[in-house]
C-alpha atoms as a PDB file:
ATOM      1  CA  UNK A   1     -80.888 120.418 235.625  1.00  0.00           C
ATOM      2  CA  UNK A   2     -83.404 123.124 235.199  1.00  0.00           C
ATOM      3  CA  UNK A   3     -86.133 120.432 234.457  1.00  0.00           C
ATOM      4  CA  UNK A   4     -85.192 118.641 237.553  1.00  0.00           C
ATOM      5  CA  UNK A   5     -84.748 121.360 240.180  1.00  0.00           C
ATOM      6  CA  UNK A   6     -83.729 120.400 243.622  1.00  0.00           C
ATOM      7  CA  UNK A   7     -83.241 116.727 242.362  1.00  0.00           C
ATOM      8  CA  UNK A   8     -79.692 115.413 242.848  1.00  0.00           C
ATOM      9  CA  UNK A   9     -78.220 114.280 239.503  1.00  0.00           C
ATOM     10  CA  UNK A  10     -75.323 112.057 239.601  1.00  0.00           C
ATOM     11  CA  UNK A  11     -72.005 112.709 237.683  1.00  0.00           C
ATOM     12  CA  UNK A  12     -72.567 109.467 235.752  1.00  0.00           C
ATOM     13  CA  UNK A  13     -76.121 110.533 234.769  1.00  0.00           C
ATOM     14  CA  UNK A  14     -74.845 113.803 233.619  1.00  0.00           C
ATOM     15  CA  UNK A  15     -72.078 112.133 231.583  1.00  0.00           C
ATOM     16  CA  UNK A  16     -74.591 109.758 230.049  1.00  0.00           C
ATOM     17  CA  UNK A  17     -77.314 112.295 229.181  1.00  0.00           C
ATOM     18  CA  UNK A  18     -75.403 115.387 228.383  1.00  0.00           C
ATOM     19  CA  UNK A  19     -72.153 114.045 226.674  1.00  0.00           C
ATOM     20  CA  UNK A  20     -73.355 110.579 225.759  1.00  0.00           C
ATOM     21  CA  UNK A  21     -70.676 108.808 227.476  1.00  0.00           C
ATOM     22  CA  UNK A  22     -71.558 105.174 228.014  1.00  0.00           C
ATOM     23  CA  UNK A  23     -68.195 103.926 229.169  1.00  0.00           C
ATOM     24  CA  UNK A  24     -65.853 106.483 230.474  1.00  0.00           C
ATOM     25  CA  UNK A  25     -62.599 106.715 232.622  1.00  0.00           C
ATOM     26  CA  UNK A  26     -62.397 108.686 235.660  1.00  0.00           C
ATOM     27  CA  UNK A  27     -63.151 112.177 234.193  1.00  0.00           C
ATOM     28  CA  UNK A  28     -63.399 115.755 235.607  1.00  0.00           C
ATOM     29  CA  UNK A  29     -65.647 116.817 232.748  1.00  0.00           C
ATOM     30  CA  UNK A  30     -68.678 117.358 234.775  1.00  0.00           C
ATOM     31  CA  UNK A  31     -66.764 119.154 237.622  1.00  0.00           C
ATOM     32  CA  UNK A  32     -64.991 121.443 235.117  1.00  0.00           C
ATOM     33  CA  UNK A  33     -68.361 122.366 233.605  1.00  0.00           C
ATOM     34  CA  UNK A  34     -69.957 123.007 237.054  1.00  0.00           C
ATOM     35  CA  UNK A  35     -67.072 125.280 237.903  1.00  0.00           C
ATOM     36  CA  UNK A  36     -67.552 127.286 234.628  1.00  0.00           C
ATOM     37  CA  UNK A  37     -71.373 127.386 235.280  1.00  0.00           C
ATOM     38  CA  UNK A  38     -70.717 128.746 238.897  1.00  0.00           C
ATOM     39  CA  UNK A  39     -68.136 131.295 237.477  1.00  0.00           C
ATOM     40  CA  UNK A  40     -70.439 132.680 234.908  1.00  0.00           C
ATOM     41  CA  UNK A  41     -73.897 132.526 236.864  1.00  0.00           C
ATOM     42  CA  UNK A  42     -73.298 132.708 240.462  1.00  0.00           C
ATOM     43  CA  UNK A  43     -72.685 135.964 242.398  1.00  0.00           C
ATOM     44  CA  UNK A  44     -70.006 134.387 244.370  1.00  0.00           C
ATOM     45  CA  UNK A  45     -68.782 131.102 242.778  1.00  0.00           C
ATOM     46  CA  UNK A  46     -66.992 129.940 245.871  1.00  0.00           C
ATOM     47  CA  UNK A  47     -70.268 129.935 247.908  1.00  0.00           C
ATOM     48  CA  UNK A  48     -72.799 128.858 245.318  1.00  0.00           C
ATOM     49  CA  UNK A  49     -76.588 129.220 245.893  1.00  0.00           C
ATOM     50  CA  UNK A  50     -77.852 127.620 242.640  1.00  0.00           C
ATOM     51  CA  UNK A  51     -75.433 124.941 241.370  1.00  0.00           C
ATOM     52  CA  UNK A  52     -74.751 122.840 244.431  1.00  0.00           C
ATOM     53  CA  UNK A  53     -72.593 119.900 245.015  1.00  0.00           C
ATOM     54  CA  UNK A  54     -74.243 116.955 247.164  1.00  0.00           C
ATOM     55  CA  UNK A  55     -71.175 115.288 248.427  1.00  0.00           C
ATOM     56  CA  UNK A  56     -70.936 111.639 247.274  1.00  0.00           C
ATOM     57  CA  UNK A  57     -73.995 111.999 245.111  1.00  0.00           C
ATOM     58  CA  UNK A  58     -73.751 114.445 242.529  1.00  0.00           C
ATOM     59  CA  UNK A  59     -75.179 118.003 241.773  1.00  0.00           C
ATOM     60  CA  UNK A  60     -78.384 119.932 242.095  1.00  0.00           C
ATOM     61  CA  UNK A  61     -79.896 122.969 240.791  1.00  0.00           C
ATOM     62  CA  UNK A  62     -81.825 125.500 243.054  1.00  0.00           C
ATOM     63  CA  UNK A  63     -83.646 128.313 240.977  1.00  0.00           C
ATOM     64  CA  UNK A  64     -83.685 131.859 242.205  1.00  0.00           C
ATOM     65  CA  UNK A  65     -86.692 132.510 244.386  1.00  0.00           C
ATOM     66  CA  UNK A  66     -88.871 135.561 243.658  1.00  0.00           C
ATOM     67  CA  UNK A  67     -87.695 138.487 245.566  1.00  0.00           C
ATOM     68  CA  UNK A  68     -84.523 136.815 246.767  1.00  0.00           C
ATOM     69  CA  UNK A  69     -81.783 137.776 244.335  1.00  0.00           C
ATOM     70  CA  UNK A  70     -78.966 139.002 246.773  1.00  0.00           C
ATOM     71  CA  UNK A  71     -76.181 136.977 247.966  1.00  0.00           C
ATOM     72  CA  UNK A  72     -76.280 136.305 251.784  1.00  0.00           C
ATOM     73  CA  UNK A  73     -74.025 137.955 254.002  1.00  0.00           C
ATOM     74  CA  UNK A  74     -71.165 135.501 255.068  1.00  0.00           C
END
């Protein structure tokens, strides 16, 4: 994801490229790993700034911009 910042990557593509799944049942593997990444790396995992879900398409990664490391006020 860090090599393709701001590009939406589908769950299927992640399953194929990361775990090598060619044929797979309905799986929550990607969702569970994204949750764990958010818990470890986001300041507020319930309002992620970097590991984003794009509804119906997949996930994308937005890197930290220089000088903007604080979480926004919600």
